[in-house]
Amino acid sequence: MSLSPRHYPKTNVWRHAAATGVFAGLLWGFAFQAAEYFRFTETVLSHWARPFVDADAVGPGAATAVGWMVFTLFSMAAALLYTALFRTVRSPWLGVAFGCFWWAMTRLTGWFRTDVQTLITDLCLFWTWGLFVGYSVSFEFTGTSLPDDGGSKSAEAPHDAQGVAESAVSASNVSRKALR
């Protein structure tokens, strides 16, 4: 069964936003963990767990796991907020600004006090996190993810053996003319 662009099932807006947030939290949580492992940043995921657990009491591994879960929940809430406010915007730059906004919010609150290298690394991580959230949501809900049908057969790939053979002969003829 072939699904043409006009027959794709409708995407559930909130389920898609929540899934985008979960993937953003998991992926960028890993990126934050890798940046901390390679000493690019002093920000560790256990910072996100501070309001909920005492890192000294539960140990660094458990605090990191809780922090990763909190960051994932934060990402899910942020993706839902982005979806509610900006899902019809076609530009990915709003997602970049969204990520920079959340980076600034974590810095302005005094939650993290660190050196310049950490500030730049965290800015880049939040920048790409916001780009991921914004582009994923915008790509899905502005219709840019659907190919333009337009009714032209030339843009479609052939689906049978004869169509494939005709395409190969046509391409061969074009390359012969180019060589002359």
C-alpha atoms as a PDB file:
ATOM      1  CA  MET A   1       0.000   0.000   0.000  1.00  0.00           C
ATOM      2  CA  SER A   2       1.439   3.299  -1.045  1.00  0.00           C
ATOM      3  CA  LEU A   3       0.670   6.354   1.031  1.00  0.00           C
ATOM      4  CA  SER A   4       0.598   9.513  -1.019  1.00  0.00           C
ATOM      5  CA  PRO A   5       1.325  12.787   0.785  1.00  0.00           C
ATOM      6  CA  ARG A   6      -2.376  13.562   0.923  1.00  0.00           C
ATOM      7  CA  HIS A   7      -3.190  10.343   2.760  1.00  0.00           C
ATOM      8  CA  TYR A   8      -0.762  10.406   5.662  1.00  0.00           C
ATOM      9  CA  PRO A   9      -2.509   9.991   8.986  1.00  0.00           C
ATOM     10  CA  LYS A  10      -2.716  13.142  11.086  1.00  0.00           C
ATOM     11  CA  THR A  11      -0.014  13.449  13.694  1.00  0.00           C
ATOM     12  CA  ASN A  12      -1.179  13.882  17.262  1.00  0.00           C
ATOM     13  CA  VAL A  13       0.301  17.261  18.173  1.00  0.00           C
ATOM     14  CA  TRP A  14       0.868  16.649  21.865  1.00  0.00           C
ATOM     15  CA  ARG A  15       2.102  13.072  21.524  1.00  0.00           C
ATOM     16  CA  HIS A  16       4.643  14.210  18.930  1.00  0.00           C
ATOM     17  CA  ALA A  17       5.765  17.098  21.145  1.00  0.00           C
ATOM     18  CA  ALA A  18       6.153  14.810  24.164  1.00  0.00           C
ATOM     19  CA  ALA A  19       8.136  12.267  22.123  1.00  0.00           C
ATOM     20  CA  THR A  20      10.344  15.042  20.748  1.00  0.00           C
ATOM     21  CA  GLY A  21      11.008  16.238  24.282  1.00  0.00           C
ATOM     22  CA  VAL A  22      11.843  12.768  25.523  1.00  0.00           C
ATOM     23  CA  PHE A  23      14.297  12.166  22.689  1.00  0.00           C
ATOM     24  CA  ALA A  24      15.800  15.621  23.182  1.00  0.00           C
ATOM     25  CA  GLY A  25      16.250  14.924  26.888  1.00  0.00           C
ATOM     26  CA  LEU A  26      17.823  11.541  26.315  1.00  0.00           C
ATOM     27  CA  LEU A  27      20.122  12.646  23.479  1.00  0.00           C
ATOM     28  CA  TRP A  28      21.227  15.940  24.991  1.00  0.00           C
ATOM     29  CA  GLY A  29      21.469  14.364  28.421  1.00  0.00           C
ATOM     30  CA  PHE A  30      24.002  12.027  26.864  1.00  0.00           C
ATOM     31  CA  ALA A  31      25.711  15.023  25.222  1.00  0.00           C
ATOM     32  CA  PHE A  32      25.926  16.824  28.574  1.00  0.00           C
ATOM     33  CA  GLN A  33      27.307  13.671  30.163  1.00  0.00           C
ATOM     34  CA  ALA A  34      29.912  13.302  27.385  1.00  0.00           C
ATOM     35  CA  ALA A  35      30.892  16.975  27.667  1.00  0.00           C
ATOM     36  CA  GLU A  36      31.381  16.542  31.396  1.00  0.00           C
ATOM     37  CA  TYR A  37      33.354  13.318  30.892  1.00  0.00           C
ATOM     38  CA  PHE A  38      35.746  15.036  28.472  1.00  0.00           C
ATOM     39  CA  ARG A  39      36.017  18.037  30.830  1.00  0.00           C
ATOM     40  CA  PHE A  40      34.433  20.526  28.411  1.00  0.00           C
ATOM     41  CA  THR A  41      31.975  21.581  31.089  1.00  0.00           C
ATOM     42  CA  GLU A  42      31.647  21.588  34.840  1.00  0.00           C
ATOM     43  CA  THR A  43      27.879  21.219  34.552  1.00  0.00           C
ATOM     44  CA  VAL A  44      26.874  17.694  35.452  1.00  0.00           C
ATOM     45  CA  LEU A  45      23.451  16.141  35.116  1.00  0.00           C
ATOM     46  CA  SER A  46      23.217  15.741  38.866  1.00  0.00           C
ATOM     47  CA  HIS A  47      22.771  19.546  39.036  1.00  0.00           C
ATOM     48  CA  TRP A  48      19.265  18.983  37.655  1.00  0.00           C
ATOM     49  CA  ALA A  49      18.533  16.613  40.554  1.00  0.00           C
ATOM     50  CA  ARG A  50      19.521  19.050  43.329  1.00  0.00           C
ATOM     51  CA  PRO A  51      15.956  20.124  44.139  1.00  0.00           C
ATOM     52  CA  PHE A  52      14.859  16.487  44.470  1.00  0.00           C
ATOM     53  CA  VAL A  53      17.717  14.458  45.945  1.00  0.00           C
ATOM     54  CA  ASP A  54      20.833  14.975  48.012  1.00  0.00           C
ATOM     55  CA  ALA A  55      23.693  13.837  45.756  1.00  0.00           C
ATOM     56  CA  ASP A  56      25.882  13.046  48.757  1.00  0.00           C
ATOM     57  CA  ALA A  57      23.228  10.812  50.290  1.00  0.00           C
ATOM     58  CA  VAL A  58      22.381   8.739  47.190  1.00  0.00           C
ATOM     59  CA  GLY A  59      25.770   8.738  45.469  1.00  0.00           C
ATOM     60  CA  PRO A  60      26.942  10.286  42.212  1.00  0.00           C
ATOM     61  CA  GLY A  61      25.558   7.574  39.915  1.00  0.00           C
ATOM     62  CA  ALA A  62      22.031   7.759  41.279  1.00  0.00           C
ATOM     63  CA  ALA A  63      22.130  11.568  41.328  1.00  0.00           C
ATOM     64  CA  THR A  64      23.201  11.564  37.673  1.00  0.00           C
ATOM     65  CA  ALA A  65      20.367   9.169  36.757  1.00  0.00           C
ATOM     66  CA  VAL A  66      17.812  11.321  38.586  1.00  0.00           C
ATOM     67  CA  GLY A  67      19.269  14.443  36.976  1.00  0.00           C
ATOM     68  CA  TRP A  68      18.999  12.851  33.540  1.00  0.00           C
ATOM     69  CA  MET A  69      15.356  11.981  34.213  1.00  0.00           C
ATOM     70  CA  VAL A  70      14.665  15.537  35.413  1.00  0.00           C
ATOM     71  CA  PHE A  71      16.383  16.972  32.323  1.00  0.00           C
ATOM     72  CA  THR A  72      14.289  14.656  30.130  1.00  0.00           C
ATOM     73  CA  LEU A  73      11.092  15.791  31.857  1.00  0.00           C
ATOM     74  CA  PHE A  74      12.223  19.409  31.471  1.00  0.00           C
ATOM     75  CA  SER A  75      12.849  18.784  27.760  1.00  0.00           C
ATOM     76  CA  MET A  76       9.419  17.244  27.380  1.00  0.00           C
ATOM     77  CA  ALA A  77       7.766  20.233  29.084  1.00  0.00           C
ATOM     78  CA  ALA A  78       9.814  22.649  26.970  1.00  0.00           C
ATOM     79  CA  ALA A  79       8.847  20.812  23.761  1.00  0.00           C
ATOM     80  CA  LEU A  80       5.181  20.971  24.751  1.00  0.00           C
ATOM     81  CA  LEU A  81       5.559  24.705  25.418  1.00  0.00           C
ATOM     82  CA  TYR A  82       7.317  25.236  22.082  1.00  0.00           C
ATOM     83  CA  THR A  83       4.571  23.283  20.330  1.00  0.00           C
ATOM     84  CA  ALA A  84       1.839  25.333  21.996  1.00  0.00           C
ATOM     85  CA  LEU A  85       3.456  28.647  21.081  1.00  0.00           C
ATOM     86  CA  PHE A  86       5.454  28.178  17.888  1.00  0.00           C
ATOM     87  CA  ARG A  87       4.491  25.008  16.009  1.00  0.00           C
ATOM     88  CA  THR A  88       3.410  26.925  12.884  1.00  0.00           C
ATOM     89  CA  VAL A  89       6.711  28.788  12.509  1.00  0.00           C
ATOM     90  CA  ARG A  90       8.686  27.455   9.537  1.00  0.00           C
ATOM     91  CA  SER A  91      12.120  28.711  10.537  1.00  0.00           C
ATOM     92  CA  PRO A  92      14.522  26.630  12.633  1.00  0.00           C
ATOM     93  CA  TRP A  93      16.065  29.844  14.006  1.00  0.00           C
ATOM     94  CA  LEU A  94      13.281  30.232  16.535  1.00  0.00           C
ATOM     95  CA  GLY A  95      14.353  26.874  17.975  1.00  0.00           C
ATOM     96  CA  VAL A  96      17.905  28.202  18.300  1.00  0.00           C
ATOM     97  CA  ALA A  97      16.582  31.259  20.128  1.00  0.00           C
ATOM     98  CA  PHE A  98      14.438  28.946  22.284  1.00  0.00           C
ATOM     99  CA  GLY A  99      17.520  26.967  23.321  1.00  0.00           C
ATOM    100  CA  CYS A 100      19.477  30.156  24.027  1.00  0.00           C
ATOM    101  CA  PHE A 101      16.566  31.418  26.129  1.00  0.00           C
ATOM    102  CA  TRP A 102      16.648  28.315  28.322  1.00  0.00           C
ATOM    103  CA  TRP A 103      20.437  28.519  28.600  1.00  0.00           C
ATOM    104  CA  ALA A 104      20.081  32.127  29.779  1.00  0.00           C
ATOM    105  CA  MET A 105      17.373  31.137  32.248  1.00  0.00           C
ATOM    106  CA  THR A 106      19.635  28.555  33.867  1.00  0.00           C
ATOM    107  CA  ARG A 107      22.441  31.132  34.068  1.00  0.00           C
ATOM    108  CA  LEU A 108      20.430  34.150  35.227  1.00  0.00           C
ATOM    109  CA  THR A 109      18.910  32.255  38.100  1.00  0.00           C
ATOM    110  CA  GLY A 110      22.391  31.651  39.472  1.00  0.00           C
ATOM    111  CA  TRP A 111      21.685  27.953  39.390  1.00  0.00           C
ATOM    112  CA  PHE A 112      25.027  27.214  37.729  1.00  0.00           C
ATOM    113  CA  ARG A 113      28.105  29.339  38.430  1.00  0.00           C
ATOM    114  CA  THR A 114      31.037  28.274  36.283  1.00  0.00           C
ATOM    115  CA  ASP A 115      33.957  29.294  34.082  1.00  0.00           C
ATOM    116  CA  VAL A 116      33.923  30.649  30.512  1.00  0.00           C
ATOM    117  CA  GLN A 117      34.601  27.258  28.893  1.00  0.00           C
ATOM    118  CA  THR A 118      31.581  25.773  30.644  1.00  0.00           C
ATOM    119  CA  LEU A 119      29.396  28.734  29.661  1.00  0.00           C
ATOM    120  CA  ILE A 120      30.318  28.360  25.990  1.00  0.00           C
ATOM    121  CA  THR A 121      29.947  24.570  26.003  1.00  0.00           C
ATOM    122  CA  ASP A 122      26.574  24.751  27.713  1.00  0.00           C
ATOM    123  CA  LEU A 123      25.434  27.504  25.342  1.00  0.00           C
ATOM    124  CA  CYS A 124      26.321  25.294  22.379  1.00  0.00           C
ATOM    125  CA  LEU A 125      24.547  22.302  23.908  1.00  0.00           C
ATOM    126  CA  PHE A 126      21.394  24.315  24.655  1.00  0.00           C
ATOM    127  CA  TRP A 127      21.632  25.931  21.202  1.00  0.00           C
ATOM    128  CA  THR A 128      21.589  22.545  19.471  1.00  0.00           C
ATOM    129  CA  TRP A 129      18.994  21.205  21.918  1.00  0.00           C
ATOM    130  CA  GLY A 130      16.680  24.098  21.036  1.00  0.00           C
ATOM    131  CA  LEU A 131      17.393  23.600  17.335  1.00  0.00           C
ATOM    132  CA  PHE A 132      16.438  19.933  17.654  1.00  0.00           C
ATOM    133  CA  VAL A 133      13.203  20.698  19.484  1.00  0.00           C
ATOM    134  CA  GLY A 134      12.248  23.621  17.245  1.00  0.00           C
ATOM    135  CA  TYR A 135      13.125  21.967  13.966  1.00  0.00           C
ATOM    136  CA  SER A 136      11.464  18.665  14.895  1.00  0.00           C
ATOM    137  CA  VAL A 137       8.221  20.393  15.824  1.00  0.00           C
ATOM    138  CA  SER A 138       8.228  22.878  12.941  1.00  0.00           C
ATOM    139  CA  PHE A 139       9.181  20.233  10.388  1.00  0.00           C
ATOM    140  CA  GLU A 140       6.260  18.070  11.426  1.00  0.00           C
ATOM    141  CA  PHE A 141       3.528  20.685  11.676  1.00  0.00           C
ATOM    142  CA  THR A 142       4.217  23.159   8.881  1.00  0.00           C
ATOM    143  CA  GLY A 143       3.848  20.580   6.125  1.00  0.00           C
ATOM    144  CA  THR A 144       7.471  20.825   5.035  1.00  0.00           C
ATOM    145  CA  SER A 145       7.967  17.135   5.782  1.00  0.00           C
ATOM    146  CA  LEU A 146       5.589  16.133   3.007  1.00  0.00           C
ATOM    147  CA  PRO A 147       6.926  15.840  -0.539  1.00  0.00           C
ATOM    148  CA  ASP A 148       5.279  18.003  -3.170  1.00  0.00           C
ATOM    149  CA  ASP A 149       3.023  15.706  -5.191  1.00  0.00           C
ATOM    150  CA  GLY A 150       2.154  18.216  -7.920  1.00  0.00           C
ATOM    151  CA  GLY A 151       0.996  15.431 -10.211  1.00  0.00           C
ATOM    152  CA  SER A 152       4.275  15.161 -12.107  1.00  0.00           C
ATOM    153  CA  LYS A 153       5.504  11.654 -12.816  1.00  0.00           C
ATOM    154  CA  SER A 154       9.049  12.750 -13.686  1.00  0.00           C
ATOM    155  CA  ALA A 155      10.013  13.329 -10.043  1.00  0.00           C
ATOM    156  CA  GLU A 156       8.816   9.916  -8.902  1.00  0.00           C
ATOM    157  CA  ALA A 157      10.991   6.837  -8.928  1.00  0.00           C
ATOM    158  CA  PRO A 158       9.822   4.063 -11.257  1.00  0.00           C
ATOM    159  CA  HIS A 159       8.131   1.157  -9.493  1.00  0.00           C
ATOM    160  CA  ASP A 160       8.382  -1.546 -12.169  1.00  0.00           C
ATOM    161  CA  ALA A 161      11.188  -3.183 -14.154  1.00  0.00           C
ATOM    162  CA  GLN A 162      10.270  -1.452 -17.412  1.00  0.00           C
ATOM    163  CA  GLY A 163      10.324   1.975 -15.712  1.00  0.00           C
ATOM    164  CA  VAL A 164      13.730   1.232 -14.220  1.00  0.00           C
ATOM    165  CA  ALA A 165      15.091   0.133 -17.596  1.00  0.00           C
ATOM    166  CA  GLU A 166      13.701   3.242 -19.321  1.00  0.00           C
ATOM    167  CA  SER A 167      15.285   5.455 -16.656  1.00  0.00           C
ATOM    168  CA  ALA A 168      18.648   3.715 -17.093  1.00  0.00           C
ATOM    169  CA  VAL A 169      18.539   4.110 -20.896  1.00  0.00           C
ATOM    170  CA  SER A 170      17.553   7.756 -20.530  1.00  0.00           C
ATOM    171  CA  ALA A 171      20.411   8.411 -18.099  1.00  0.00           C
ATOM    172  CA  SER A 172      22.841   6.604 -20.401  1.00  0.00           C
ATOM    173  CA  ASN A 173      21.763   8.744 -23.362  1.00  0.00           C
ATOM    174  CA  VAL A 174      22.185  11.925 -21.354  1.00  0.00           C
ATOM    175  CA  SER A 175      25.701  10.953 -20.258  1.00  0.00           C
ATOM    176  CA  ARG A 176      26.691  10.025 -23.852  1.00  0.00           C
ATOM    177  CA  LYS A 177      25.550  13.437 -25.077  1.00  0.00           C
ATOM    178  CA  ALA A 178      27.515  15.109 -22.307  1.00  0.00           C
ATOM    179  CA  LEU A 179      30.700  13.265 -23.339  1.00  0.00           C
ATOM    180  CA  ARG A 180      30.450  14.391 -27.008  1.00  0.00           C
END
